[in-house]
Full PDB file with SEQRES, HELIX, SHEET, SSBOND, CRYST1, ORIGX, SCALE, CONECT and MASTER records, all heavy atoms in Angstrom:
SEQRES   1 A   34  SER ARG ILE LEU ALA MET GLU SER SER MET TYR ARG PRO          
SEQRES   2 A   34  LYS THR GLY GLY ILE ARG PRO LEU ASP ALA ALA VAL HIS          
SEQRES   3 A   34  HIS SER GLU VAL ILE ASP THR VAL                              
HELIX    1 AA1 PRO A   20  VAL A   30  1                                  11    
CRYST1    1.000    1.000    1.000  90.00  90.00  90.00 P 1           1          
ORIGX1      1.000000  0.000000  0.000000        0.00000                         
ORIGX2      0.000000  1.000000  0.000000        0.00000                         
ORIGX3      0.000000  0.000000  1.000000        0.00000                         
SCALE1      1.000000  0.000000  0.000000        0.00000                         
SCALE2      0.000000  1.000000  0.000000        0.00000                         
SCALE3      0.000000  0.000000  1.000000        0.00000                         
ATOM      1  N   SER A   1       3.774 -17.366 -32.807  1.00  0.00           N  
ATOM      2  CA  SER A   1       4.411 -16.657 -33.954  1.00  0.00           C  
ATOM      3  C   SER A   1       5.439 -17.366 -34.729  1.00  0.00           C  
ATOM      4  O   SER A   1       5.739 -17.047 -35.825  1.00  0.00           O  
ATOM      5  CB  SER A   1       4.997 -15.327 -33.454  1.00  0.00           C  
ATOM      6  OG  SER A   1       5.993 -15.607 -32.415  1.00  0.00           O  
ATOM      7  N   ARG A   2       5.938 -18.489 -34.167  1.00  0.00           N  
ATOM      8  CA  ARG A   2       7.072 -19.169 -34.848  1.00  0.00           C  
ATOM      9  C   ARG A   2       6.800 -20.661 -34.900  1.00  0.00           C  
ATOM     10  O   ARG A   2       6.161 -21.274 -34.040  1.00  0.00           O  
ATOM     11  CB  ARG A   2       8.322 -18.971 -34.065  1.00  0.00           C  
ATOM     12  CG  ARG A   2       8.854 -17.447 -34.102  1.00  0.00           C  
ATOM     13  CD  ARG A   2       9.996 -17.350 -33.103  1.00  0.00           C  
ATOM     14  NE  ARG A   2       9.621 -17.818 -31.796  1.00  0.00           N  
ATOM     15  CZ  ARG A   2      10.511 -18.232 -30.849  1.00  0.00           C  
ATOM     16  NH1 ARG A   2      11.783 -18.184 -31.089  1.00  0.00           N  
ATOM     17  NH2 ARG A   2      10.066 -18.647 -29.636  1.00  0.00           N  
ATOM     18  N   ILE A   3       7.401 -21.218 -35.932  1.00  0.00           N  
ATOM     19  CA  ILE A   3       7.406 -22.720 -36.072  1.00  0.00           C  
ATOM     20  C   ILE A   3       8.827 -23.059 -35.547  1.00  0.00           C  
ATOM     21  O   ILE A   3       9.854 -22.650 -36.080  1.00  0.00           O  
ATOM     22  CB  ILE A   3       7.228 -23.180 -37.483  1.00  0.00           C  
ATOM     23  CG1 ILE A   3       5.743 -22.934 -37.824  1.00  0.00           C  
ATOM     24  CG2 ILE A   3       7.654 -24.599 -37.711  1.00  0.00           C  
ATOM     25  CD1 ILE A   3       5.382 -23.173 -39.340  1.00  0.00           C  
ATOM     26  N   LEU A   4       8.892 -23.811 -34.448  1.00  0.00           N  
ATOM     27  CA  LEU A   4      10.126 -24.034 -33.720  1.00  0.00           C  
ATOM     28  C   LEU A   4      10.816 -25.275 -34.203  1.00  0.00           C  
ATOM     29  O   LEU A   4      12.060 -25.331 -34.224  1.00  0.00           O  
ATOM     30  CB  LEU A   4       9.899 -24.144 -32.199  1.00  0.00           C  
ATOM     31  CG  LEU A   4       9.167 -22.923 -31.576  1.00  0.00           C  
ATOM     32  CD1 LEU A   4       8.896 -23.182 -30.084  1.00  0.00           C  
ATOM     33  CD2 LEU A   4      10.020 -21.649 -31.701  1.00  0.00           C  
ATOM     34  N   ALA A   5      10.110 -26.415 -34.498  1.00  0.00           N  
ATOM     35  CA  ALA A   5      10.813 -27.638 -34.925  1.00  0.00           C  
ATOM     36  C   ALA A   5       9.814 -28.592 -35.492  1.00  0.00           C  
ATOM     37  O   ALA A   5       8.661 -28.548 -35.158  1.00  0.00           O  
ATOM     38  CB  ALA A   5      11.467 -28.251 -33.636  1.00  0.00           C  
ATOM     39  N   MET A   6      10.335 -29.410 -36.339  1.00  0.00           N  
ATOM     40  CA  MET A   6       9.488 -30.559 -36.855  1.00  0.00           C  
ATOM     41  C   MET A   6      10.322 -31.698 -37.163  1.00  0.00           C  
ATOM     42  O   MET A   6      11.477 -31.584 -37.797  1.00  0.00           O  
ATOM     43  CB  MET A   6       8.732 -30.125 -38.125  1.00  0.00           C  
ATOM     44  CG  MET A   6       7.889 -31.201 -38.680  1.00  0.00           C  
ATOM     45  SD  MET A   6       6.756 -30.653 -39.955  1.00  0.00           S  
ATOM     46  CE  MET A   6       7.624 -31.050 -41.396  1.00  0.00           C  
ATOM     47  N   GLU A   7      10.001 -32.854 -36.706  1.00  0.00           N  
ATOM     48  CA  GLU A   7      10.740 -34.183 -36.995  1.00  0.00           C  
ATOM     49  C   GLU A   7       9.738 -35.184 -37.412  1.00  0.00           C  
ATOM     50  O   GLU A   7       8.660 -35.333 -36.769  1.00  0.00           O  
ATOM     51  CB  GLU A   7      11.450 -34.622 -35.722  1.00  0.00           C  
ATOM     52  CG  GLU A   7      12.815 -33.924 -35.453  1.00  0.00           C  
ATOM     53  CD  GLU A   7      13.821 -34.318 -36.529  1.00  0.00           C  
ATOM     54  OE1 GLU A   7      13.939 -35.519 -36.798  1.00  0.00           O  
ATOM     55  OE2 GLU A   7      14.556 -33.355 -36.985  1.00  0.00           O  
ATOM     56  N   SER A   8      10.023 -35.909 -38.454  1.00  0.00           N  
ATOM     57  CA  SER A   8       9.090 -36.949 -38.961  1.00  0.00           C  
ATOM     58  C   SER A   8       9.786 -38.209 -39.316  1.00  0.00           C  
ATOM     59  O   SER A   8      11.000 -38.189 -39.650  1.00  0.00           O  
ATOM     60  CB  SER A   8       8.324 -36.408 -40.247  1.00  0.00           C  
ATOM     61  OG  SER A   8       7.684 -35.183 -39.933  1.00  0.00           O  
ATOM     62  N   SER A   9       9.082 -39.310 -39.304  1.00  0.00           N  
ATOM     63  CA  SER A   9       9.566 -40.575 -39.821  1.00  0.00           C  
ATOM     64  C   SER A   9       8.454 -41.220 -40.574  1.00  0.00           C  
ATOM     65  O   SER A   9       7.438 -41.435 -40.068  1.00  0.00           O  
ATOM     66  CB  SER A   9      10.081 -41.397 -38.624  1.00  0.00           C  
ATOM     67  OG  SER A   9      10.408 -42.664 -39.130  1.00  0.00           O  
ATOM     68  N   MET A  10       8.790 -41.618 -41.781  1.00  0.00           N  
ATOM     69  CA  MET A  10       7.763 -42.287 -42.650  1.00  0.00           C  
ATOM     70  C   MET A  10       7.992 -43.787 -42.702  1.00  0.00           C  
ATOM     71  O   MET A  10       9.094 -44.207 -42.960  1.00  0.00           O  
ATOM     72  CB  MET A  10       7.754 -41.704 -44.040  1.00  0.00           C  
ATOM     73  CG  MET A  10       6.673 -42.233 -44.973  1.00  0.00           C  
ATOM     74  SD  MET A  10       6.808 -41.339 -46.541  1.00  0.00           S  
ATOM     75  CE  MET A  10       5.473 -42.059 -47.479  1.00  0.00           C  
ATOM     76  N   TYR A  11       6.940 -44.551 -42.531  1.00  0.00           N  
ATOM     77  CA  TYR A  11       7.036 -46.035 -42.661  1.00  0.00           C  
ATOM     78  C   TYR A  11       6.957 -46.311 -44.148  1.00  0.00           C  
ATOM     79  O   TYR A  11       5.994 -45.968 -44.832  1.00  0.00           O  
ATOM     80  CB  TYR A  11       5.863 -46.655 -41.885  1.00  0.00           C  
ATOM     81  CG  TYR A  11       5.567 -48.037 -42.327  1.00  0.00           C  
ATOM     82  CD1 TYR A  11       6.491 -49.137 -42.022  1.00  0.00           C  
ATOM     83  CD2 TYR A  11       4.437 -48.411 -43.017  1.00  0.00           C  
ATOM     84  CE1 TYR A  11       6.233 -50.451 -42.353  1.00  0.00           C  
ATOM     85  CE2 TYR A  11       4.186 -49.785 -43.395  1.00  0.00           C  
ATOM     86  CZ  TYR A  11       5.046 -50.690 -43.072  1.00  0.00           C  
ATOM     87  OH  TYR A  11       4.824 -52.035 -43.459  1.00  0.00           O  
ATOM     88  N   ARG A  12       7.942 -47.011 -44.713  1.00  0.00           N  
ATOM     89  CA  ARG A  12       7.960 -47.420 -46.113  1.00  0.00           C  
ATOM     90  C   ARG A  12       7.981 -48.969 -46.172  1.00  0.00           C  
ATOM     91  O   ARG A  12       8.956 -49.613 -45.880  1.00  0.00           O  
ATOM     92  CB  ARG A  12       9.171 -46.873 -46.791  1.00  0.00           C  
ATOM     93  CG  ARG A  12       9.148 -45.375 -46.871  1.00  0.00           C  
ATOM     94  CD  ARG A  12      10.413 -44.866 -47.488  1.00  0.00           C  
ATOM     95  NE  ARG A  12      10.512 -43.380 -47.400  1.00  0.00           N  
ATOM     96  CZ  ARG A  12       9.899 -42.587 -48.308  1.00  0.00           C  
ATOM     97  NH1 ARG A  12       9.322 -43.079 -49.403  1.00  0.00           N  
ATOM     98  NH2 ARG A  12      10.007 -41.251 -48.153  1.00  0.00           N  
ATOM     99  N   PRO A  13       6.805 -49.503 -46.582  1.00  0.00           N  
ATOM    100  CA  PRO A  13       6.774 -51.038 -46.684  1.00  0.00           C  
ATOM    101  C   PRO A  13       7.770 -51.496 -47.723  1.00  0.00           C  
ATOM    102  O   PRO A  13       7.978 -50.823 -48.749  1.00  0.00           O  
ATOM    103  CB  PRO A  13       5.327 -51.255 -47.104  1.00  0.00           C  
ATOM    104  CG  PRO A  13       4.829 -50.054 -47.682  1.00  0.00           C  
ATOM    105  CD  PRO A  13       5.605 -48.902 -47.018  1.00  0.00           C  
ATOM    106  N   LYS A  14       8.390 -52.684 -47.461  1.00  0.00           N  
ATOM    107  CA  LYS A  14       9.370 -53.193 -48.441  1.00  0.00           C  
ATOM    108  C   LYS A  14       8.659 -53.631 -49.665  1.00  0.00           C  
ATOM    109  O   LYS A  14       9.117 -53.509 -50.808  1.00  0.00           O  
ATOM    110  CB  LYS A  14      10.151 -54.343 -47.818  1.00  0.00           C  
ATOM    111  CG  LYS A  14      11.154 -53.822 -46.750  1.00  0.00           C  
ATOM    112  CD  LYS A  14      11.934 -54.862 -46.020  1.00  0.00           C  
ATOM    113  CE  LYS A  14      12.775 -54.283 -44.896  1.00  0.00           C  
ATOM    114  NZ  LYS A  14      11.890 -53.572 -43.876  1.00  0.00           N  
ATOM    115  N   THR A  15       7.438 -54.251 -49.490  1.00  0.00           N  
ATOM    116  CA  THR A  15       6.662 -54.688 -50.628  1.00  0.00           C  
ATOM    117  C   THR A  15       5.228 -54.340 -50.364  1.00  0.00           C  
ATOM    118  O   THR A  15       4.828 -54.218 -49.276  1.00  0.00           O  
ATOM    119  CB  THR A  15       6.800 -56.212 -50.837  1.00  0.00           C  
ATOM    120  OG1 THR A  15       6.333 -56.834 -49.611  1.00  0.00           O  
ATOM    121  CG2 THR A  15       8.172 -56.630 -51.136  1.00  0.00           C  
ATOM    122  N   GLY A  16       4.496 -54.124 -51.457  1.00  0.00           N  
ATOM    123  CA  GLY A  16       3.048 -53.927 -51.324  1.00  0.00           C  
ATOM    124  C   GLY A  16       2.709 -52.642 -50.656  1.00  0.00           C  
ATOM    125  O   GLY A  16       3.473 -51.731 -50.609  1.00  0.00           O  
ATOM    126  N   GLY A  17       1.434 -52.557 -50.137  1.00  0.00           N  
ATOM    127  CA  GLY A  17       0.928 -51.328 -49.577  1.00  0.00           C  
ATOM    128  C   GLY A  17       1.221 -51.290 -48.064  1.00  0.00           C  
ATOM    129  O   GLY A  17       1.956 -52.009 -47.512  1.00  0.00           O  
ATOM    130  N   ILE A  18       0.494 -50.321 -47.447  1.00  0.00           N  
ATOM    131  CA  ILE A  18       0.659 -50.228 -46.036  1.00  0.00           C  
ATOM    132  C   ILE A  18      -0.179 -51.232 -45.219  1.00  0.00           C  
ATOM    133  O   ILE A  18      -1.333 -51.345 -45.470  1.00  0.00           O  
ATOM    134  CB  ILE A  18       0.136 -48.790 -45.533  1.00  0.00           C  
ATOM    135  CG1 ILE A  18       1.034 -47.629 -46.092  1.00  0.00           C  
ATOM    136  CG2 ILE A  18       0.164 -48.709 -44.010  1.00  0.00           C  
ATOM    137  CD1 ILE A  18       0.661 -46.312 -45.573  1.00  0.00           C  
ATOM    138  N   ARG A  19       0.493 -51.996 -44.372  1.00  0.00           N  
ATOM    139  CA  ARG A  19      -0.274 -52.809 -43.479  1.00  0.00           C  
ATOM    140  C   ARG A  19      -0.351 -52.052 -42.140  1.00  0.00           C  
ATOM    141  O   ARG A  19       0.622 -51.699 -41.526  1.00  0.00           O  
ATOM    142  CB  ARG A  19       0.490 -54.167 -43.228  1.00  0.00           C  
ATOM    143  CG  ARG A  19       0.572 -55.018 -44.454  1.00  0.00           C  
ATOM    144  CD  ARG A  19       1.194 -56.381 -44.155  1.00  0.00           C  
ATOM    145  NE  ARG A  19       1.668 -57.028 -45.358  1.00  0.00           N  
ATOM    146  CZ  ARG A  19       2.831 -56.737 -46.057  1.00  0.00           C  
ATOM    147  NH1 ARG A  19       3.639 -55.837 -45.589  1.00  0.00           N  
ATOM    148  NH2 ARG A  19       3.103 -57.394 -47.097  1.00  0.00           N  
ATOM    149  N   PRO A  20      -1.582 -51.773 -41.713  1.00  0.00           N  
ATOM    150  CA  PRO A  20      -1.801 -50.882 -40.556  1.00  0.00           C  
ATOM    151  C   PRO A  20      -1.003 -51.274 -39.386  1.00  0.00           C  
ATOM    152  O   PRO A  20      -0.417 -50.454 -38.676  1.00  0.00           O  
ATOM    153  CB  PRO A  20      -3.266 -50.949 -40.273  1.00  0.00           C  
ATOM    154  CG  PRO A  20      -3.918 -51.276 -41.639  1.00  0.00           C  
ATOM    155  CD  PRO A  20      -2.896 -52.129 -42.375  1.00  0.00           C  
ATOM    156  N   LEU A  21      -0.885 -52.590 -39.058  1.00  0.00           N  
ATOM    157  CA  LEU A  21      -0.158 -53.023 -37.857  1.00  0.00           C  
ATOM    158  C   LEU A  21       1.319 -52.755 -37.993  1.00  0.00           C  
ATOM    159  O   LEU A  21       2.031 -52.358 -37.012  1.00  0.00           O  
ATOM    160  CB  LEU A  21      -0.428 -54.477 -37.554  1.00  0.00           C  
ATOM    161  CG  LEU A  21      -1.800 -54.700 -36.913  1.00  0.00           C  
ATOM    162  CD1 LEU A  21      -2.053 -56.256 -36.747  1.00  0.00           C  
ATOM    163  CD2 LEU A  21      -1.832 -54.026 -35.450  1.00  0.00           C  
ATOM    164  N   ASP A  22       1.823 -52.980 -39.240  1.00  0.00           N  
ATOM    165  CA  ASP A  22       3.290 -52.671 -39.437  1.00  0.00           C  
ATOM    166  C   ASP A  22       3.620 -51.219 -39.249  1.00  0.00           C  
ATOM    167  O   ASP A  22       4.660 -50.833 -38.707  1.00  0.00           O  
ATOM    168  CB  ASP A  22       3.717 -53.131 -40.846  1.00  0.00           C  
ATOM    169  CG  ASP A  22       3.674 -54.666 -41.002  1.00  0.00           C  
ATOM    170  OD1 ASP A  22       3.442 -55.348 -39.988  1.00  0.00           O  
ATOM    171  OD2 ASP A  22       3.830 -55.125 -42.136  1.00  0.00           O  
ATOM    172  N   ALA A  23       2.708 -50.415 -39.766  1.00  0.00           N  
ATOM    173  CA  ALA A  23       2.872 -48.930 -39.622  1.00  0.00           C  
ATOM    174  C   ALA A  23       2.953 -48.544 -38.123  1.00  0.00           C  
ATOM    175  O   ALA A  23       3.775 -47.756 -37.674  1.00  0.00           O  
ATOM    176  CB  ALA A  23       1.763 -48.170 -40.311  1.00  0.00           C  
ATOM    177  N   ALA A  24       2.013 -49.159 -37.305  1.00  0.00           N  
ATOM    178  CA  ALA A  24       1.896 -48.848 -35.952  1.00  0.00           C  
ATOM    179  C   ALA A  24       3.159 -49.340 -35.151  1.00  0.00           C  
ATOM    180  O   ALA A  24       3.668 -48.655 -34.273  1.00  0.00           O  
ATOM    181  CB  ALA A  24       0.688 -49.494 -35.319  1.00  0.00           C  
ATOM    182  N   VAL A  25       3.721 -50.472 -35.574  1.00  0.00           N  
ATOM    183  CA  VAL A  25       4.921 -50.992 -34.908  1.00  0.00           C  
ATOM    184  C   VAL A  25       6.095 -49.980 -35.207  1.00  0.00           C  
ATOM    185  O   VAL A  25       6.838 -49.602 -34.341  1.00  0.00           O  
ATOM    186  CB  VAL A  25       5.311 -52.425 -35.460  1.00  0.00           C  
ATOM    187  CG1 VAL A  25       6.714 -52.768 -35.080  1.00  0.00           C  
ATOM    188  CG2 VAL A  25       4.295 -53.402 -34.921  1.00  0.00           C  
ATOM    189  N   HIS A  26       6.153 -49.552 -36.505  1.00  0.00           N  
ATOM    190  CA  HIS A  26       7.207 -48.531 -36.841  1.00  0.00           C  
ATOM    191  C   HIS A  26       7.033 -47.272 -36.033  1.00  0.00           C  
ATOM    192  O   HIS A  26       7.965 -46.765 -35.408  1.00  0.00           O  
ATOM    193  CB  HIS A  26       7.048 -48.184 -38.318  1.00  0.00           C  
ATOM    194  CG  HIS A  26       7.717 -46.879 -38.733  1.00  0.00           C  
ATOM    195  ND1 HIS A  26       7.007 -45.657 -38.797  1.00  0.00           N  
ATOM    196  CD2 HIS A  26       9.040 -46.601 -39.038  1.00  0.00           C  
ATOM    197  CE1 HIS A  26       7.882 -44.711 -39.079  1.00  0.00           C  
ATOM    198  NE2 HIS A  26       9.028 -45.273 -39.301  1.00  0.00           N  
ATOM    199  N   HIS A  27       5.797 -46.805 -35.829  1.00  0.00           N  
ATOM    200  CA  HIS A  27       5.525 -45.624 -35.064  1.00  0.00           C  
ATOM    201  C   HIS A  27       6.003 -45.780 -33.639  1.00  0.00           C  
ATOM    202  O   HIS A  27       6.634 -44.892 -33.027  1.00  0.00           O  
ATOM    203  CB  HIS A  27       4.059 -45.170 -35.106  1.00  0.00           C  
ATOM    204  CG  HIS A  27       3.601 -44.820 -36.462  1.00  0.00           C  
ATOM    205  ND1 HIS A  27       4.387 -44.710 -37.552  1.00  0.00           N  
ATOM    206  CD2 HIS A  27       2.313 -44.441 -36.911  1.00  0.00           C  
ATOM    207  CE1 HIS A  27       3.767 -44.313 -38.624  1.00  0.00           C  
ATOM    208  NE2 HIS A  27       2.512 -44.127 -38.234  1.00  0.00           N  
ATOM    209  N   SER A  28       5.635 -46.891 -33.041  1.00  0.00           N  
ATOM    210  CA  SER A  28       5.930 -47.112 -31.615  1.00  0.00           C  
ATOM    211  C   SER A  28       7.455 -47.257 -31.452  1.00  0.00           C  
ATOM    212  O   SER A  28       7.963 -46.800 -30.384  1.00  0.00           O  
ATOM    213  CB  SER A  28       5.247 -48.329 -31.001  1.00  0.00           C  
ATOM    214  OG  SER A  28       5.590 -49.472 -31.712  1.00  0.00           O  
ATOM    215  N   GLU A  29       8.201 -47.721 -32.419  1.00  0.00           N  
ATOM    216  CA  GLU A  29       9.663 -47.896 -32.357  1.00  0.00           C  
ATOM    217  C   GLU A  29      10.370 -46.544 -32.414  1.00  0.00           C  
ATOM    218  O   GLU A  29      11.429 -46.325 -31.779  1.00  0.00           O  
ATOM    219  CB  GLU A  29      10.204 -48.787 -33.468  1.00  0.00           C  
ATOM    220  CG  GLU A  29       9.915 -50.243 -33.136  1.00  0.00           C  
ATOM    221  CD  GLU A  29      10.180 -51.222 -34.341  1.00  0.00           C  
ATOM    222  OE1 GLU A  29      10.509 -50.722 -35.463  1.00  0.00           O  
ATOM    223  OE2 GLU A  29      10.013 -52.395 -34.125  1.00  0.00           O  
ATOM    224  N   VAL A  30       9.827 -45.577 -33.232  1.00  0.00           N  
ATOM    225  CA  VAL A  30      10.565 -44.302 -33.441  1.00  0.00           C  
ATOM    226  C   VAL A  30      10.015 -43.101 -32.786  1.00  0.00           C  
ATOM    227  O   VAL A  30      10.631 -42.061 -32.726  1.00  0.00           O  
ATOM    228  CB  VAL A  30      10.623 -44.016 -35.041  1.00  0.00           C  
ATOM    229  CG1 VAL A  30      11.395 -45.135 -35.728  1.00  0.00           C  
ATOM    230  CG2 VAL A  30       9.317 -43.755 -35.623  1.00  0.00           C  
ATOM    231  N   ILE A  31       8.816 -43.211 -32.192  1.00  0.00           N  
ATOM    232  CA  ILE A  31       8.107 -41.978 -31.650  1.00  0.00           C  
ATOM    233  C   ILE A  31       8.924 -41.294 -30.606  1.00  0.00           C  
ATOM    234  O   ILE A  31       9.024 -40.104 -30.588  1.00  0.00           O  
ATOM    235  CB  ILE A  31       6.659 -42.280 -31.229  1.00  0.00           C  
ATOM    236  CG1 ILE A  31       5.909 -41.008 -30.966  1.00  0.00           C  
ATOM    237  CG2 ILE A  31       6.625 -43.198 -29.975  1.00  0.00           C  
ATOM    238  CD1 ILE A  31       4.381 -41.138 -30.961  1.00  0.00           C  
ATOM    239  N   ASP A  32       9.597 -42.010 -29.670  1.00  0.00           N  
ATOM    240  CA  ASP A  32      10.410 -41.397 -28.671  1.00  0.00           C  
ATOM    241  C   ASP A  32      11.498 -40.477 -29.292  1.00  0.00           C  
ATOM    242  O   ASP A  32      11.773 -39.430 -28.889  1.00  0.00           O  
ATOM    243  CB  ASP A  32      11.002 -42.380 -27.702  1.00  0.00           C  
ATOM    244  CG  ASP A  32       9.902 -43.071 -26.838  1.00  0.00           C  
ATOM    245  OD1 ASP A  32       8.745 -42.616 -26.933  1.00  0.00           O  
ATOM    246  OD2 ASP A  32      10.269 -44.049 -26.142  1.00  0.00           O  
ATOM    247  N   THR A  33      12.188 -41.104 -30.255  1.00  0.00           N  
ATOM    248  CA  THR A  33      13.307 -40.453 -30.939  1.00  0.00           C  
ATOM    249  C   THR A  33      12.763 -39.206 -31.624  1.00  0.00           C  
ATOM    250  O   THR A  33      13.447 -38.204 -31.607  1.00  0.00           O  
ATOM    251  CB  THR A  33      13.941 -41.448 -31.989  1.00  0.00           C  
ATOM    252  OG1 THR A  33      14.117 -42.685 -31.410  1.00  0.00           O  
ATOM    253  CG2 THR A  33      15.289 -40.875 -32.408  1.00  0.00           C  
ATOM    254  N   VAL A  34      11.677 -39.329 -32.353  1.00  0.00           N  
ATOM    255  CA  VAL A  34      11.126 -38.235 -33.101  1.00  0.00           C  
ATOM    256  C   VAL A  34      10.797 -37.079 -32.173  1.00  0.00           C  
ATOM    257  O   VAL A  34      11.141 -35.911 -32.458  1.00  0.00           O  
ATOM    258  CB  VAL A  34       9.840 -38.705 -33.911  1.00  0.00           C  
ATOM    259  CG1 VAL A  34       9.019 -37.491 -34.382  1.00  0.00           C  
ATOM    260  CG2 VAL A  34      10.258 -39.556 -35.077  1.00  0.00           C  
TER     261      VAL A  34                                                      
MASTER        0    0    0    1    0    0    0    6  260    1    0    3          
END                                                                             
């Protein structure tokens, strides 16, 4: 019945588009905290 919590972190490339491996590295670094 309720939405209890939501935490997100978005990978933002410094230049260019998303490189899949860089996004994955970002995810693995922040997932525990999220």
